[in-house]
Protein backbone atom coordinates (compact mmCIF):
# COMPACT_ATOMS: atom_id res chain seq x y z
CA MET A 1 23.12 -38.68 12.79
CA PHE A 2 19.74 -37.05 13.48
CA SER A 3 17.44 -37.61 16.43
CA HIS A 4 14.38 -36.17 14.69
CA MET A 5 13.09 -34.10 11.80
CA MET A 6 10.12 -31.76 12.10
CA LEU A 7 8.19 -29.99 9.36
CA GLY A 8 5.67 -27.22 9.72
CA ALA A 9 2.14 -27.94 8.53
CA ASN A 10 -0.75 -25.52 8.07
CA ASP A 11 -3.42 -28.23 7.96
CA ILE A 12 -2.48 -31.06 10.32
CA ASP A 13 -5.30 -33.34 9.11
CA ALA A 14 -4.38 -32.96 5.42
CA SER A 15 -0.69 -33.37 6.21
CA LYS A 16 -1.31 -36.47 8.35
CA LYS A 17 -3.36 -38.01 5.52
CA PHE A 18 -0.56 -37.26 3.05
CA TYR A 19 2.29 -38.56 5.22
CA ASP A 20 0.32 -41.62 6.38
CA ALA A 21 -0.12 -42.55 2.69
CA ILE A 22 3.48 -42.03 1.55
CA LEU A 23 5.11 -43.45 4.65
CA ALA A 24 2.91 -46.57 4.48
CA GLU A 25 4.56 -47.26 1.11
CA LEU A 26 7.92 -47.28 2.95
CA GLY A 27 6.66 -49.67 5.64
CA HIS A 28 5.82 -47.18 8.40
CA LYS A 29 2.73 -47.10 10.60
CA PRO A 30 0.27 -44.18 10.59
CA GLY A 31 1.29 -41.11 12.55
CA ILE A 32 0.30 -40.63 16.17
CA LEU A 33 -1.42 -37.37 17.14
CA ASP A 34 0.00 -36.14 20.46
CA PRO A 35 -1.77 -33.91 23.04
CA LYS A 36 -0.08 -30.79 21.56
CA GLY A 37 -1.59 -31.47 18.13
CA ARG A 38 1.65 -32.68 16.56
CA VAL A 39 1.88 -35.84 14.47
CA LEU A 40 4.67 -38.26 15.39
CA TYR A 41 6.15 -41.01 13.19
CA PRO A 42 8.67 -42.83 15.42
CA ASN A 43 11.12 -45.53 14.34
CA ARG A 44 14.31 -47.09 15.71
CA GLN A 45 16.55 -44.37 14.26
CA GLY A 46 14.56 -41.36 15.43
CA SER A 47 11.31 -39.58 14.73
CA PHE A 48 9.64 -37.55 12.02
CA LEU A 49 7.12 -34.97 13.24
CA LEU A 50 4.57 -32.54 11.80
CA THR A 51 3.49 -29.45 13.70
CA LYS A 52 1.82 -26.10 13.33
CA PRO A 53 4.49 -23.46 13.95
CA ILE A 54 4.61 -22.48 17.63
CA ASP A 55 4.95 -18.78 16.75
CA GLY A 56 1.41 -18.81 15.32
CA ASN A 57 2.50 -17.85 11.80
CA ASP A 58 1.83 -19.97 8.74
CA ALA A 59 4.19 -22.83 7.97
CA ASN A 60 6.22 -22.31 4.81
CA HIS A 61 8.83 -24.31 2.97
CA GLY A 62 12.53 -23.62 3.20
CA ASN A 63 13.89 -22.49 -0.15
CA GLY A 64 16.68 -24.94 -0.96
CA SER A 65 15.53 -27.46 1.65
CA THR A 66 14.60 -31.07 0.91
CA LEU A 67 13.76 -33.85 3.34
CA GLY A 68 14.59 -37.30 1.98
CA PHE A 69 13.07 -40.66 2.89
CA ALA A 70 14.96 -43.92 2.26
CA ALA A 71 13.31 -46.52 0.04
CA ALA A 72 14.25 -50.18 -0.47
CA SER A 73 13.81 -50.22 -4.26
CA PRO A 74 12.93 -48.12 -7.29
CA GLU A 75 9.48 -49.74 -7.21
CA GLN A 76 9.00 -48.52 -3.64
CA VAL A 77 10.03 -45.01 -4.71
CA ASN A 78 7.41 -45.12 -7.48
CA ALA A 79 4.71 -46.38 -5.09
CA TRP A 80 5.63 -43.58 -2.65
CA PHE A 81 5.35 -41.01 -5.45
CA GLU A 82 1.96 -42.26 -6.67
CA ALA A 83 0.57 -42.44 -3.12
CA GLY A 84 1.73 -38.87 -2.53
CA LEU A 85 0.01 -37.57 -5.66
CA LYS A 86 -3.23 -39.31 -4.68
CA ALA A 87 -3.03 -37.91 -1.14
CA GLY A 88 -2.67 -34.24 -2.12
CA GLY A 89 1.01 -33.86 -2.98
CA THR A 90 2.22 -32.09 -6.10
CA GLU A 91 5.02 -32.96 -8.50
CA CYS A 92 8.26 -31.03 -8.46
CA GLU A 93 11.68 -31.54 -10.02
CA ASP A 94 12.00 -34.09 -12.83
CA ALA A 95 9.97 -37.30 -13.15
CA PRO A 96 11.01 -40.20 -10.90
CA GLY A 97 14.22 -41.78 -12.16
CA ILE A 98 17.96 -42.20 -11.81
CA ARG A 99 20.18 -39.22 -11.01
CA SER A 100 23.94 -39.68 -11.07
CA GLY A 101 26.70 -37.64 -9.55
CA GLY A 102 29.91 -38.11 -7.64
CA GLY A 103 30.04 -41.79 -8.54
CA ILE A 104 26.63 -42.44 -6.94
CA ASN A 105 23.45 -43.47 -8.73
CA LEU A 106 20.20 -42.75 -6.94
CA TYR A 107 16.65 -43.50 -7.99
CA LEU A 108 14.70 -40.43 -6.80
CA ALA A 109 11.20 -38.97 -6.79
CA TYR A 110 10.26 -35.52 -5.52
CA LEU A 111 6.99 -34.09 -4.22
CA ARG A 112 5.70 -31.02 -2.42
CA ASP A 113 3.53 -31.85 0.58
CA PRO A 114 0.24 -30.02 1.33
CA SER A 115 2.20 -27.20 3.05
CA GLY A 116 4.70 -26.83 0.19
CA ASN A 117 7.62 -28.65 1.83
CA LYS A 118 9.88 -30.37 -0.72
CA ILE A 119 10.37 -34.06 0.04
CA CYS A 120 12.06 -36.92 -1.75
CA ALA A 121 12.14 -40.71 -1.72
CA SER A 122 15.49 -42.22 -2.69
CA HIS A 123 17.05 -45.58 -3.35
CA ARG A 124 20.78 -46.05 -3.95
CA VAL A 125 21.22 -48.08 -7.14
CA MET A 126 24.10 -50.50 -6.85
CA ASP A 127 25.97 -51.36 -10.04
């Protein structure tokens, strides 16, 4: 459905360190710094990018926005969460665990990245 997702980052180095750590837990390679100073995480489905805002203002999080990353298991979600805390992320929402709604059970963990963006790792729990 999406070709790419891009988040604003105030400190590209700190953000790259953070996302390299959490995305490694999901099986992704470290980000690639391009000539414009953006960090690119490509995969077969599209790309995830980090950038300083082009208008020169500080990056800030979108109130009500969450970017979710797919995980293969609850254990992978937990590893993602722990790696994020160690790499400068902060906890938000409830502790990692199952959330149910609309007949779907998801194992979720939420973090704020170094720029305050709300992100999530999720695994669909099959009954």
